[in-house]
N, C-alpha and C. Protein backbone atom coordinates (compact mmCIF):
# COMPACT_ATOMS: atom_id res chain seq x y z
N MET A 1 -56.12 54.00 -10.55
CA MET A 1 -55.17 52.93 -10.27
C MET A 1 -55.94 51.70 -9.81
N SER A 2 -55.56 50.56 -10.34
CA SER A 2 -56.27 49.33 -10.05
C SER A 2 -55.71 48.64 -8.81
N SER A 3 -56.57 47.90 -8.14
CA SER A 3 -56.13 47.15 -6.97
C SER A 3 -55.77 45.72 -7.34
N ASP A 4 -55.89 45.36 -8.63
CA ASP A 4 -55.59 44.00 -9.07
C ASP A 4 -54.69 44.03 -10.31
N PRO A 5 -53.37 44.12 -10.10
CA PRO A 5 -52.45 44.24 -11.24
C PRO A 5 -52.42 43.00 -12.14
N ILE A 6 -52.70 41.81 -11.59
CA ILE A 6 -52.71 40.60 -12.42
C ILE A 6 -53.88 40.65 -13.40
N ALA A 7 -55.05 41.05 -12.92
CA ALA A 7 -56.22 41.19 -13.80
C ALA A 7 -55.95 42.23 -14.88
N ASP A 8 -55.26 43.32 -14.52
CA ASP A 8 -54.92 44.34 -15.51
C ASP A 8 -54.01 43.77 -16.60
N LEU A 9 -53.02 42.97 -16.21
CA LEU A 9 -52.12 42.35 -17.17
C LEU A 9 -52.89 41.41 -18.10
N LEU A 10 -53.73 40.56 -17.54
CA LEU A 10 -54.52 39.63 -18.36
C LEU A 10 -55.42 40.38 -19.33
N THR A 11 -56.02 41.48 -18.88
CA THR A 11 -56.89 42.28 -19.73
C THR A 11 -56.10 42.93 -20.86
N LYS A 12 -54.90 43.43 -20.56
CA LYS A 12 -54.07 44.03 -21.61
C LYS A 12 -53.70 42.99 -22.68
N ILE A 13 -53.34 41.78 -22.25
CA ILE A 13 -52.99 40.72 -23.20
C ILE A 13 -54.22 40.33 -24.03
N ARG A 14 -55.35 40.13 -23.37
CA ARG A 14 -56.59 39.74 -24.05
C ARG A 14 -57.01 40.80 -25.07
N ASN A 15 -57.02 42.07 -24.67
CA ASN A 15 -57.44 43.15 -25.57
C ASN A 15 -56.49 43.32 -26.75
N ALA A 16 -55.19 43.22 -26.50
CA ALA A 16 -54.21 43.34 -27.59
C ALA A 16 -54.37 42.18 -28.57
N GLY A 17 -54.63 40.98 -28.07
CA GLY A 17 -54.83 39.83 -28.94
C GLY A 17 -56.08 39.97 -29.79
N MET A 18 -57.16 40.45 -29.18
CA MET A 18 -58.41 40.63 -29.93
C MET A 18 -58.28 41.72 -30.99
N ALA A 19 -57.44 42.72 -30.72
CA ALA A 19 -57.19 43.80 -31.67
C ALA A 19 -56.10 43.42 -32.67
N ARG A 20 -55.58 42.21 -32.58
CA ARG A 20 -54.52 41.67 -33.44
C ARG A 20 -53.25 42.53 -33.43
N LYS A 21 -52.93 43.05 -32.26
CA LYS A 21 -51.69 43.81 -32.11
C LYS A 21 -50.56 42.82 -31.84
N LYS A 22 -49.41 43.11 -32.36
CA LYS A 22 -48.26 42.21 -32.22
C LYS A 22 -47.64 42.26 -30.83
N GLU A 23 -47.84 43.38 -30.13
CA GLU A 23 -47.22 43.52 -28.81
C GLU A 23 -48.07 44.40 -27.91
N THR A 24 -47.81 44.29 -26.62
CA THR A 24 -48.44 45.14 -25.62
C THR A 24 -47.43 45.31 -24.49
N GLU A 25 -47.71 46.25 -23.61
CA GLU A 25 -46.80 46.44 -22.48
C GLU A 25 -47.60 46.72 -21.22
N ALA A 26 -46.96 46.42 -20.09
CA ALA A 26 -47.58 46.61 -18.78
C ALA A 26 -46.50 47.01 -17.79
N PRO A 27 -46.88 47.67 -16.71
CA PRO A 27 -45.90 47.99 -15.67
C PRO A 27 -45.27 46.72 -15.10
N HIS A 28 -44.00 46.78 -14.77
CA HIS A 28 -43.25 45.61 -14.31
C HIS A 28 -43.49 45.34 -12.83
N SER A 29 -43.60 44.06 -12.50
CA SER A 29 -43.53 43.57 -11.12
C SER A 29 -43.03 42.13 -11.19
N LYS A 30 -42.54 41.61 -10.09
CA LYS A 30 -41.99 40.26 -10.09
C LYS A 30 -43.04 39.21 -10.44
N ILE A 31 -44.25 39.36 -9.88
CA ILE A 31 -45.29 38.36 -10.13
C ILE A 31 -45.75 38.40 -11.59
N LYS A 32 -45.81 39.60 -12.18
CA LYS A 32 -46.17 39.70 -13.60
C LYS A 32 -45.09 39.07 -14.46
N GLU A 33 -43.84 39.28 -14.08
CA GLU A 33 -42.73 38.69 -14.84
C GLU A 33 -42.79 37.17 -14.78
N MET A 34 -43.09 36.60 -13.60
CA MET A 34 -43.21 35.15 -13.48
C MET A 34 -44.38 34.62 -14.31
N LEU A 35 -45.48 35.35 -14.33
CA LEU A 35 -46.65 34.95 -15.10
C LEU A 35 -46.35 34.95 -16.60
N VAL A 36 -45.70 36.01 -17.07
CA VAL A 36 -45.35 36.11 -18.49
C VAL A 36 -44.32 35.05 -18.86
N LYS A 37 -43.41 34.73 -17.94
CA LYS A 37 -42.42 33.68 -18.19
C LYS A 37 -43.11 32.34 -18.41
N ILE A 38 -44.15 32.04 -17.62
CA ILE A 38 -44.90 30.80 -17.80
C ILE A 38 -45.61 30.80 -19.16
N LEU A 39 -46.19 31.94 -19.55
CA LEU A 39 -46.84 32.02 -20.86
C LEU A 39 -45.85 31.73 -21.98
N LYS A 40 -44.62 32.22 -21.84
CA LYS A 40 -43.57 31.96 -22.84
C LYS A 40 -43.19 30.49 -22.85
N GLN A 41 -43.00 29.89 -21.66
CA GLN A 41 -42.62 28.48 -21.57
C GLN A 41 -43.69 27.56 -22.17
N GLU A 42 -44.94 27.94 -22.01
CA GLU A 42 -46.05 27.14 -22.53
C GLU A 42 -46.31 27.40 -24.01
N GLY A 43 -45.57 28.33 -24.61
CA GLY A 43 -45.72 28.61 -26.03
C GLY A 43 -46.92 29.47 -26.37
N LEU A 44 -47.43 30.23 -25.40
CA LEU A 44 -48.63 31.04 -25.61
C LEU A 44 -48.32 32.47 -26.04
N ILE A 45 -47.07 32.90 -25.87
CA ILE A 45 -46.62 34.19 -26.40
C ILE A 45 -45.28 33.97 -27.09
N GLU A 46 -44.93 34.87 -28.01
CA GLU A 46 -43.66 34.75 -28.72
C GLU A 46 -42.48 35.00 -27.78
N ASP A 47 -42.53 36.14 -27.08
CA ASP A 47 -41.41 36.54 -26.23
C ASP A 47 -41.85 37.69 -25.33
N TYR A 48 -40.95 38.07 -24.43
CA TYR A 48 -41.18 39.25 -23.60
C TYR A 48 -39.83 39.86 -23.26
N LYS A 49 -39.84 41.15 -22.99
CA LYS A 49 -38.62 41.86 -22.61
C LYS A 49 -38.94 42.81 -21.46
N ILE A 50 -37.98 42.93 -20.56
CA ILE A 50 -38.09 43.88 -19.46
C ILE A 50 -37.34 45.14 -19.88
N GLU A 51 -38.06 46.26 -19.97
CA GLU A 51 -37.46 47.53 -20.36
C GLU A 51 -37.79 48.56 -19.28
N ASP A 52 -36.78 49.04 -18.58
CA ASP A 52 -36.96 49.99 -17.47
C ASP A 52 -37.98 49.42 -16.48
N GLN A 53 -39.11 50.05 -16.34
CA GLN A 53 -40.13 49.59 -15.39
C GLN A 53 -41.35 48.98 -16.10
N THR A 54 -41.15 48.51 -17.35
CA THR A 54 -42.26 47.91 -18.09
C THR A 54 -41.89 46.54 -18.62
N ILE A 55 -42.90 45.73 -18.86
CA ILE A 55 -42.73 44.43 -19.51
C ILE A 55 -43.36 44.57 -20.89
N ARG A 56 -42.58 44.34 -21.93
CA ARG A 56 -43.10 44.35 -23.30
C ARG A 56 -43.36 42.90 -23.69
N ILE A 57 -44.60 42.61 -24.08
CA ILE A 57 -45.02 41.25 -24.38
C ILE A 57 -45.32 41.15 -25.87
N TYR A 58 -44.67 40.19 -26.55
CA TYR A 58 -44.87 39.97 -27.98
C TYR A 58 -45.83 38.79 -28.13
N LEU A 59 -46.99 39.07 -28.71
CA LEU A 59 -48.06 38.08 -28.79
C LEU A 59 -47.84 37.10 -29.93
N LYS A 60 -48.49 35.94 -29.83
CA LYS A 60 -48.34 34.87 -30.80
C LYS A 60 -49.66 34.67 -31.54
N PHE A 61 -49.57 34.63 -32.87
CA PHE A 61 -50.74 34.42 -33.72
C PHE A 61 -50.49 33.23 -34.63
N VAL A 62 -51.55 32.48 -34.94
CA VAL A 62 -51.49 31.38 -35.90
C VAL A 62 -52.55 31.66 -36.95
N LYS A 63 -52.12 31.80 -38.20
CA LYS A 63 -53.03 32.15 -39.30
C LYS A 63 -53.87 33.37 -38.95
N ASN A 64 -53.22 34.37 -38.41
CA ASN A 64 -53.82 35.66 -38.04
C ASN A 64 -54.87 35.55 -36.93
N HIS A 65 -54.86 34.45 -36.17
CA HIS A 65 -55.75 34.30 -35.01
C HIS A 65 -54.91 34.22 -33.75
N PHE A 66 -55.34 34.93 -32.73
CA PHE A 66 -54.65 34.94 -31.44
C PHE A 66 -54.69 33.53 -30.86
N ILE A 67 -53.55 33.03 -30.42
CA ILE A 67 -53.43 31.64 -29.97
C ILE A 67 -54.15 31.40 -28.64
N ILE A 68 -54.28 32.42 -27.80
CA ILE A 68 -54.96 32.27 -26.51
C ILE A 68 -56.45 32.51 -26.72
N LEU A 69 -57.26 31.50 -26.42
CA LEU A 69 -58.71 31.61 -26.60
C LEU A 69 -59.38 32.33 -25.44
N GLY A 70 -58.83 32.17 -24.23
CA GLY A 70 -59.44 32.81 -23.08
C GLY A 70 -58.45 33.00 -21.94
N LEU A 71 -58.55 34.12 -21.27
CA LEU A 71 -57.77 34.42 -20.07
C LEU A 71 -58.77 34.81 -19.00
N GLU A 72 -58.79 34.09 -17.90
CA GLU A 72 -59.76 34.37 -16.86
C GLU A 72 -59.08 34.43 -15.50
N ARG A 73 -59.34 35.49 -14.77
CA ARG A 73 -58.83 35.64 -13.40
C ARG A 73 -59.72 34.81 -12.49
N ILE A 74 -59.14 33.91 -11.70
CA ILE A 74 -59.92 33.04 -10.81
C ILE A 74 -59.93 33.61 -9.40
N SER A 75 -58.77 33.68 -8.76
CA SER A 75 -58.68 34.22 -7.40
C SER A 75 -58.57 35.74 -7.50
N LYS A 76 -59.47 36.43 -6.82
CA LYS A 76 -59.52 37.89 -6.90
C LYS A 76 -59.23 38.47 -5.52
N PRO A 77 -58.86 39.74 -5.44
CA PRO A 77 -58.57 40.33 -4.13
C PRO A 77 -59.74 40.21 -3.14
N GLY A 78 -60.97 40.26 -3.62
CA GLY A 78 -62.12 40.16 -2.73
C GLY A 78 -62.54 38.74 -2.42
N LEU A 79 -62.09 37.77 -3.21
CA LEU A 79 -62.46 36.37 -3.02
C LEU A 79 -61.31 35.48 -3.49
N ARG A 80 -60.49 35.08 -2.56
CA ARG A 80 -59.34 34.24 -2.87
C ARG A 80 -59.79 32.80 -3.08
N ARG A 81 -59.19 32.13 -4.07
CA ARG A 81 -59.51 30.73 -4.37
C ARG A 81 -58.24 29.90 -4.22
N TYR A 82 -58.31 28.89 -3.37
CA TYR A 82 -57.17 28.01 -3.12
C TYR A 82 -57.53 26.60 -3.55
N ILE A 83 -56.50 25.81 -3.86
CA ILE A 83 -56.72 24.42 -4.25
C ILE A 83 -55.68 23.54 -3.58
N LYS A 84 -56.13 22.41 -3.06
CA LYS A 84 -55.23 21.43 -2.48
C LYS A 84 -54.69 20.55 -3.60
N VAL A 85 -53.54 19.94 -3.37
CA VAL A 85 -52.93 19.11 -4.40
C VAL A 85 -53.86 17.95 -4.77
N LYS A 86 -54.63 17.44 -3.84
CA LYS A 86 -55.55 16.33 -4.12
C LYS A 86 -56.65 16.72 -5.11
N LYS A 87 -56.96 18.00 -5.18
CA LYS A 87 -58.04 18.49 -6.06
C LYS A 87 -57.54 18.93 -7.44
N ILE A 88 -56.22 18.99 -7.63
CA ILE A 88 -55.67 19.44 -8.91
C ILE A 88 -55.86 18.33 -9.94
N ARG A 89 -56.48 18.68 -11.05
CA ARG A 89 -56.69 17.76 -12.16
C ARG A 89 -56.16 18.42 -13.43
N PRO A 90 -54.89 18.15 -13.79
CA PRO A 90 -54.35 18.77 -15.00
C PRO A 90 -55.18 18.41 -16.23
N ASP A 91 -55.43 19.40 -17.07
CA ASP A 91 -56.27 19.25 -18.25
C ASP A 91 -55.51 19.84 -19.44
N ARG A 92 -55.47 19.11 -20.54
CA ARG A 92 -54.72 19.59 -21.70
C ARG A 92 -55.38 20.78 -22.40
N SER A 93 -56.68 20.95 -22.21
CA SER A 93 -57.38 22.03 -22.92
C SER A 93 -57.24 23.38 -22.23
N LYS A 94 -56.77 23.39 -20.98
CA LYS A 94 -56.60 24.65 -20.26
C LYS A 94 -55.42 24.55 -19.31
N ILE A 95 -54.91 25.70 -18.93
CA ILE A 95 -53.78 25.78 -18.00
C ILE A 95 -54.20 26.66 -16.84
N ASN A 96 -54.08 26.15 -15.63
CA ASN A 96 -54.30 26.95 -14.43
C ASN A 96 -52.93 27.38 -13.91
N ILE A 97 -52.78 28.63 -13.57
CA ILE A 97 -51.54 29.12 -12.98
C ILE A 97 -51.78 29.27 -11.49
N ILE A 98 -50.94 28.58 -10.71
CA ILE A 98 -51.12 28.49 -9.27
C ILE A 98 -49.93 29.13 -8.57
N SER A 99 -50.23 29.97 -7.59
CA SER A 99 -49.19 30.57 -6.75
C SER A 99 -48.92 29.62 -5.59
N THR A 100 -47.71 29.04 -5.56
CA THR A 100 -47.35 28.06 -4.54
C THR A 100 -46.21 28.60 -3.68
N SER A 101 -45.79 27.80 -2.73
CA SER A 101 -44.65 28.18 -1.89
C SER A 101 -43.35 28.21 -2.69
N GLN A 102 -43.34 27.60 -3.89
CA GLN A 102 -42.16 27.60 -4.75
C GLN A 102 -42.31 28.55 -5.93
N GLY A 103 -43.23 29.50 -5.82
CA GLY A 103 -43.45 30.47 -6.89
C GLY A 103 -44.64 30.09 -7.74
N LEU A 104 -44.78 30.76 -8.89
CA LEU A 104 -45.88 30.46 -9.79
C LEU A 104 -45.58 29.20 -10.58
N LEU A 105 -46.57 28.31 -10.65
CA LEU A 105 -46.43 27.05 -11.39
C LEU A 105 -47.71 26.80 -12.17
N THR A 106 -47.59 26.03 -13.26
CA THR A 106 -48.80 25.57 -13.94
C THR A 106 -49.40 24.46 -13.10
N ASP A 107 -50.65 24.10 -13.38
CA ASP A 107 -51.29 23.03 -12.61
C ASP A 107 -50.56 21.70 -12.79
N ARG A 108 -50.00 21.47 -13.97
CA ARG A 108 -49.25 20.21 -14.19
C ARG A 108 -47.99 20.17 -13.33
N GLU A 109 -47.25 21.30 -13.27
CA GLU A 109 -46.03 21.35 -12.45
C GLU A 109 -46.36 21.21 -10.97
N ALA A 110 -47.42 21.89 -10.52
CA ALA A 110 -47.83 21.82 -9.11
C ALA A 110 -48.24 20.40 -8.75
N PHE A 111 -48.92 19.71 -9.66
CA PHE A 111 -49.35 18.33 -9.43
C PHE A 111 -48.13 17.41 -9.30
N LYS A 112 -47.15 17.59 -10.19
CA LYS A 112 -45.93 16.77 -10.14
C LYS A 112 -45.14 17.00 -8.85
N LYS A 113 -45.10 18.27 -8.39
CA LYS A 113 -44.35 18.61 -7.18
C LYS A 113 -45.18 18.44 -5.91
N LYS A 114 -46.45 18.02 -6.08
CA LYS A 114 -47.36 17.81 -4.96
C LYS A 114 -47.53 19.07 -4.12
N LEU A 115 -47.85 20.18 -4.81
CA LEU A 115 -48.05 21.47 -4.15
C LEU A 115 -49.43 22.03 -4.47
N GLY A 116 -50.09 22.56 -3.48
CA GLY A 116 -51.33 23.29 -3.68
C GLY A 116 -51.04 24.78 -3.59
N GLY A 117 -52.07 25.60 -3.73
CA GLY A 117 -51.86 27.03 -3.61
C GLY A 117 -53.05 27.82 -4.11
N GLU A 118 -52.81 29.09 -4.39
CA GLU A 118 -53.86 29.99 -4.85
C GLU A 118 -53.94 29.94 -6.38
N ILE A 119 -55.13 29.69 -6.92
CA ILE A 119 -55.32 29.65 -8.38
C ILE A 119 -55.45 31.08 -8.87
N LEU A 120 -54.43 31.58 -9.55
CA LEU A 120 -54.45 32.96 -10.01
C LEU A 120 -55.32 33.14 -11.24
N CYS A 121 -55.09 32.29 -12.27
CA CYS A 121 -55.84 32.47 -13.50
C CYS A 121 -55.91 31.16 -14.29
N GLN A 122 -56.78 31.18 -15.29
CA GLN A 122 -56.97 30.02 -16.16
C GLN A 122 -56.82 30.50 -17.60
N ILE A 123 -56.07 29.73 -18.39
CA ILE A 123 -55.81 30.08 -19.78
C ILE A 123 -56.31 28.96 -20.67
N ARG A 124 -57.07 29.31 -21.71
CA ARG A 124 -57.56 28.33 -22.67
C ARG A 124 -56.99 28.66 -24.03
């Protein structure tokens, strides 16, 4: 059993994409559901469904290539990484997902709402 469920989710998505699988699934939790919801809103996955205690994630491909180039866990259980709103620099080539007092937000949303927080992961 892993002590980092977010890293496990990112690894499942990354591995399924590299294997060109249309879908993958992971155990359900609220934070994973919020993370997958952001991926859907950003157009990085086709869809997701909550079934019993699992999240089924339908991956998105363009010309048979996985649309997500990289998934990287930034803040880890052994080394937490936080960012102040003054240090947030939204970048179009990547998306940082930040855990804030208002839930999980992309770096662009956190910048607009003037919120800092823990940088969970980076998506390219």
